[in-house]
N, C-alpha and C. Protein backbone atom coordinates (compact mmCIF):
# COMPACT_ATOMS: atom_id res chain seq x y z
N UNK A 1 25.46 -4.06 24.29
CA UNK A 1 24.28 -3.52 23.66
C UNK A 1 24.71 -2.78 22.41
N UNK A 2 23.90 -2.87 21.38
CA UNK A 2 24.15 -2.05 20.20
C UNK A 2 22.84 -1.44 19.75
N UNK A 3 22.93 -0.29 19.08
CA UNK A 3 21.74 0.42 18.62
C UNK A 3 21.39 -0.03 17.22
N UNK A 4 20.08 -0.27 17.01
CA UNK A 4 19.61 -0.64 15.69
C UNK A 4 19.30 0.63 14.91
N UNK A 5 18.85 0.51 13.67
CA UNK A 5 18.61 1.67 12.82
C UNK A 5 17.57 2.62 13.41
N UNK A 6 16.58 2.08 14.13
CA UNK A 6 15.54 2.93 14.71
C UNK A 6 15.92 3.40 16.12
N UNK A 7 17.19 3.34 16.49
CA UNK A 7 17.73 3.79 17.78
C UNK A 7 17.26 2.96 18.96
N UNK A 8 16.69 1.80 18.73
CA UNK A 8 16.30 0.91 19.82
C UNK A 8 17.52 0.09 20.23
N UNK A 9 17.69 -0.12 21.53
CA UNK A 9 18.82 -0.91 22.00
C UNK A 9 18.56 -2.39 21.83
N UNK A 10 19.58 -3.13 21.51
CA UNK A 10 19.49 -4.57 21.34
C UNK A 10 20.54 -5.20 22.24
N UNK A 11 20.10 -5.92 23.27
CA UNK A 11 21.03 -6.55 24.20
C UNK A 11 21.58 -7.83 23.59
N UNK A 12 22.84 -8.07 23.80
CA UNK A 12 23.49 -9.21 23.18
C UNK A 12 24.60 -9.73 24.08
N UNK A 13 24.96 -10.98 23.89
CA UNK A 13 26.12 -11.56 24.58
C UNK A 13 27.39 -11.38 23.76
N UNK A 14 27.22 -10.95 22.51
CA UNK A 14 28.36 -10.81 21.62
C UNK A 14 29.16 -9.56 21.95
N UNK A 15 30.44 -9.59 21.65
CA UNK A 15 31.31 -8.46 21.93
C UNK A 15 31.48 -7.55 20.73
N UNK A 16 31.05 -8.01 19.55
CA UNK A 16 31.19 -7.24 18.32
C UNK A 16 29.81 -7.07 17.69
N UNK A 17 29.51 -5.84 17.24
CA UNK A 17 28.25 -5.57 16.54
C UNK A 17 28.29 -6.23 15.17
N UNK A 18 27.11 -6.38 14.52
CA UNK A 18 27.11 -6.97 13.18
C UNK A 18 27.96 -6.20 12.16
N UNK A 19 28.13 -4.88 12.37
CA UNK A 19 28.93 -4.10 11.43
C UNK A 19 30.42 -4.05 11.80
N UNK A 20 30.83 -4.78 12.86
CA UNK A 20 32.23 -4.90 13.21
C UNK A 20 32.70 -4.02 14.35
N UNK A 21 31.88 -3.09 14.82
CA UNK A 21 32.27 -2.23 15.94
C UNK A 21 32.06 -2.96 17.26
N UNK A 22 32.81 -2.60 18.32
CA UNK A 22 32.57 -3.23 19.63
C UNK A 22 31.23 -2.79 20.20
N UNK A 23 30.59 -3.67 20.97
CA UNK A 23 29.30 -3.34 21.56
C UNK A 23 29.48 -2.32 22.68
N UNK A 24 28.41 -1.58 23.00
CA UNK A 24 28.42 -0.57 24.04
C UNK A 24 27.94 -1.15 25.35
N UNK A 25 28.25 -0.48 26.44
CA UNK A 25 27.75 -0.89 27.75
C UNK A 25 26.28 -0.55 27.86
N UNK A 26 25.51 -1.39 28.51
CA UNK A 26 24.08 -1.13 28.72
C UNK A 26 23.86 -0.21 29.90
N UNK A 27 24.92 0.09 30.65
CA UNK A 27 24.81 0.93 31.83
C UNK A 27 25.17 2.37 31.48
N UNK A 28 24.49 3.35 32.09
CA UNK A 28 24.83 4.74 31.79
C UNK A 28 26.21 5.10 32.33
N UNK A 29 26.75 6.15 31.80
CA UNK A 29 28.06 6.59 32.25
C UNK A 29 29.08 6.49 31.14
N UNK A 30 30.32 6.81 31.46
CA UNK A 30 31.35 6.75 30.42
C UNK A 30 31.57 5.30 29.97
N UNK A 31 31.74 5.09 28.68
CA UNK A 31 31.94 3.72 28.20
C UNK A 31 33.28 3.16 28.66
N UNK A 32 33.24 2.01 29.25
CA UNK A 32 34.44 1.31 29.67
C UNK A 32 34.49 -0.01 28.91
N UNK A 33 35.50 -0.20 28.11
CA UNK A 33 35.54 -1.37 27.26
C UNK A 33 35.59 -2.66 28.06
N UNK A 34 36.19 -2.64 29.24
CA UNK A 34 36.31 -3.87 30.01
C UNK A 34 35.11 -4.11 30.91
N UNK A 35 34.12 -3.22 30.93
CA UNK A 35 32.95 -3.40 31.77
C UNK A 35 31.66 -3.42 30.96
N UNK A 36 31.70 -3.88 29.75
CA UNK A 36 30.47 -3.94 28.97
C UNK A 36 29.54 -4.97 29.58
N UNK A 37 28.25 -4.67 29.54
CA UNK A 37 27.26 -5.55 30.16
C UNK A 37 27.12 -6.82 29.33
N UNK A 38 27.18 -7.92 29.99
CA UNK A 38 26.95 -9.22 29.35
C UNK A 38 25.91 -9.94 30.19
N UNK A 39 24.91 -10.46 29.53
CA UNK A 39 23.84 -11.13 30.22
C UNK A 39 23.98 -12.62 29.97
N UNK A 40 24.37 -13.35 30.99
CA UNK A 40 24.67 -14.76 30.84
C UNK A 40 23.41 -15.60 30.93
N UNK A 41 23.24 -16.58 30.05
CA UNK A 41 22.11 -17.50 30.17
C UNK A 41 22.28 -18.46 31.35
N UNK A 42 23.48 -18.53 31.91
CA UNK A 42 23.75 -19.37 33.06
C UNK A 42 23.37 -18.60 34.32
N UNK A 43 22.19 -18.88 34.86
CA UNK A 43 21.68 -18.14 36.02
C UNK A 43 21.93 -18.97 37.28
N UNK A 44 22.93 -18.59 38.05
CA UNK A 44 23.32 -19.37 39.22
C UNK A 44 22.38 -19.19 40.41
N UNK A 45 21.58 -18.13 40.43
CA UNK A 45 20.71 -17.85 41.57
C UNK A 45 19.23 -18.12 41.26
N UNK A 46 18.95 -18.80 40.16
CA UNK A 46 17.57 -19.03 39.75
C UNK A 46 16.76 -19.79 40.79
N UNK A 47 17.33 -20.83 41.36
CA UNK A 47 16.60 -21.65 42.33
C UNK A 47 16.18 -20.82 43.54
N UNK A 48 17.08 -20.00 44.05
CA UNK A 48 16.75 -19.17 45.21
C UNK A 48 15.71 -18.10 44.86
N UNK A 49 15.81 -17.52 43.68
CA UNK A 49 14.86 -16.50 43.26
C UNK A 49 13.45 -17.07 43.13
N UNK A 50 13.33 -18.26 42.54
CA UNK A 50 12.03 -18.91 42.39
C UNK A 50 11.47 -19.30 43.76
N UNK A 51 12.31 -19.77 44.66
CA UNK A 51 11.85 -20.14 46.01
C UNK A 51 11.30 -18.93 46.75
N UNK A 52 11.97 -17.79 46.65
CA UNK A 52 11.48 -16.57 47.30
C UNK A 52 10.17 -16.10 46.70
N UNK A 53 10.06 -16.14 45.37
CA UNK A 53 8.81 -15.72 44.72
C UNK A 53 7.67 -16.65 45.12
N UNK A 54 7.95 -17.95 45.22
CA UNK A 54 6.92 -18.89 45.62
C UNK A 54 6.50 -18.63 47.07
N UNK A 55 7.45 -18.36 47.95
CA UNK A 55 7.16 -18.12 49.36
C UNK A 55 6.28 -16.89 49.55
N UNK A 56 6.51 -15.84 48.78
CA UNK A 56 5.77 -14.60 48.96
C UNK A 56 4.63 -14.43 47.95
N UNK A 57 4.30 -15.49 47.19
CA UNK A 57 3.16 -15.46 46.28
C UNK A 57 3.35 -14.54 45.09
N UNK A 58 4.56 -14.47 44.55
CA UNK A 58 4.84 -13.57 43.44
C UNK A 58 5.02 -14.27 42.10
N UNK A 59 4.85 -15.58 42.06
CA UNK A 59 4.96 -16.29 40.79
C UNK A 59 3.78 -15.94 39.89
N UNK A 60 3.97 -15.90 38.57
CA UNK A 60 2.86 -15.58 37.67
C UNK A 60 1.67 -16.53 37.84
N UNK A 61 1.92 -17.78 38.21
CA UNK A 61 0.82 -18.73 38.39
C UNK A 61 0.06 -18.47 39.68
N UNK A 62 0.61 -17.68 40.59
CA UNK A 62 -0.05 -17.37 41.85
C UNK A 62 -0.81 -16.04 41.78
N UNK A 63 -0.76 -15.37 40.64
CA UNK A 63 -1.45 -14.09 40.47
C UNK A 63 -2.86 -14.32 39.95
N UNK A 64 -3.80 -13.41 40.24
CA UNK A 64 -5.14 -13.56 39.67
C UNK A 64 -5.09 -13.40 38.15
N UNK A 65 -6.02 -14.06 37.50
CA UNK A 65 -6.08 -14.00 36.04
C UNK A 65 -6.41 -12.57 35.59
N UNK A 66 -5.73 -12.07 34.55
CA UNK A 66 -6.03 -10.72 34.07
C UNK A 66 -7.40 -10.67 33.40
N UNK A 67 -8.09 -9.58 33.58
CA UNK A 67 -9.39 -9.41 32.93
C UNK A 67 -9.16 -8.82 31.55
N UNK A 68 -9.76 -9.43 30.57
CA UNK A 68 -9.56 -8.98 29.19
C UNK A 68 -10.69 -8.14 28.71
């Protein structure tokens, strides 16, 4: 994660910020360079997560339509 000019966090898979500094951990606590948070697009548990949501009626398509 790196902070933008307005102090908003920006999550990234990159290890270096655009200005050349190493990215920070997204988790609170002391910064550990070897434990920086990386969010992988390769989701190995997606099938199981969708099956559970479908079983318990938690998918967005199973929710009532929002009133506008």
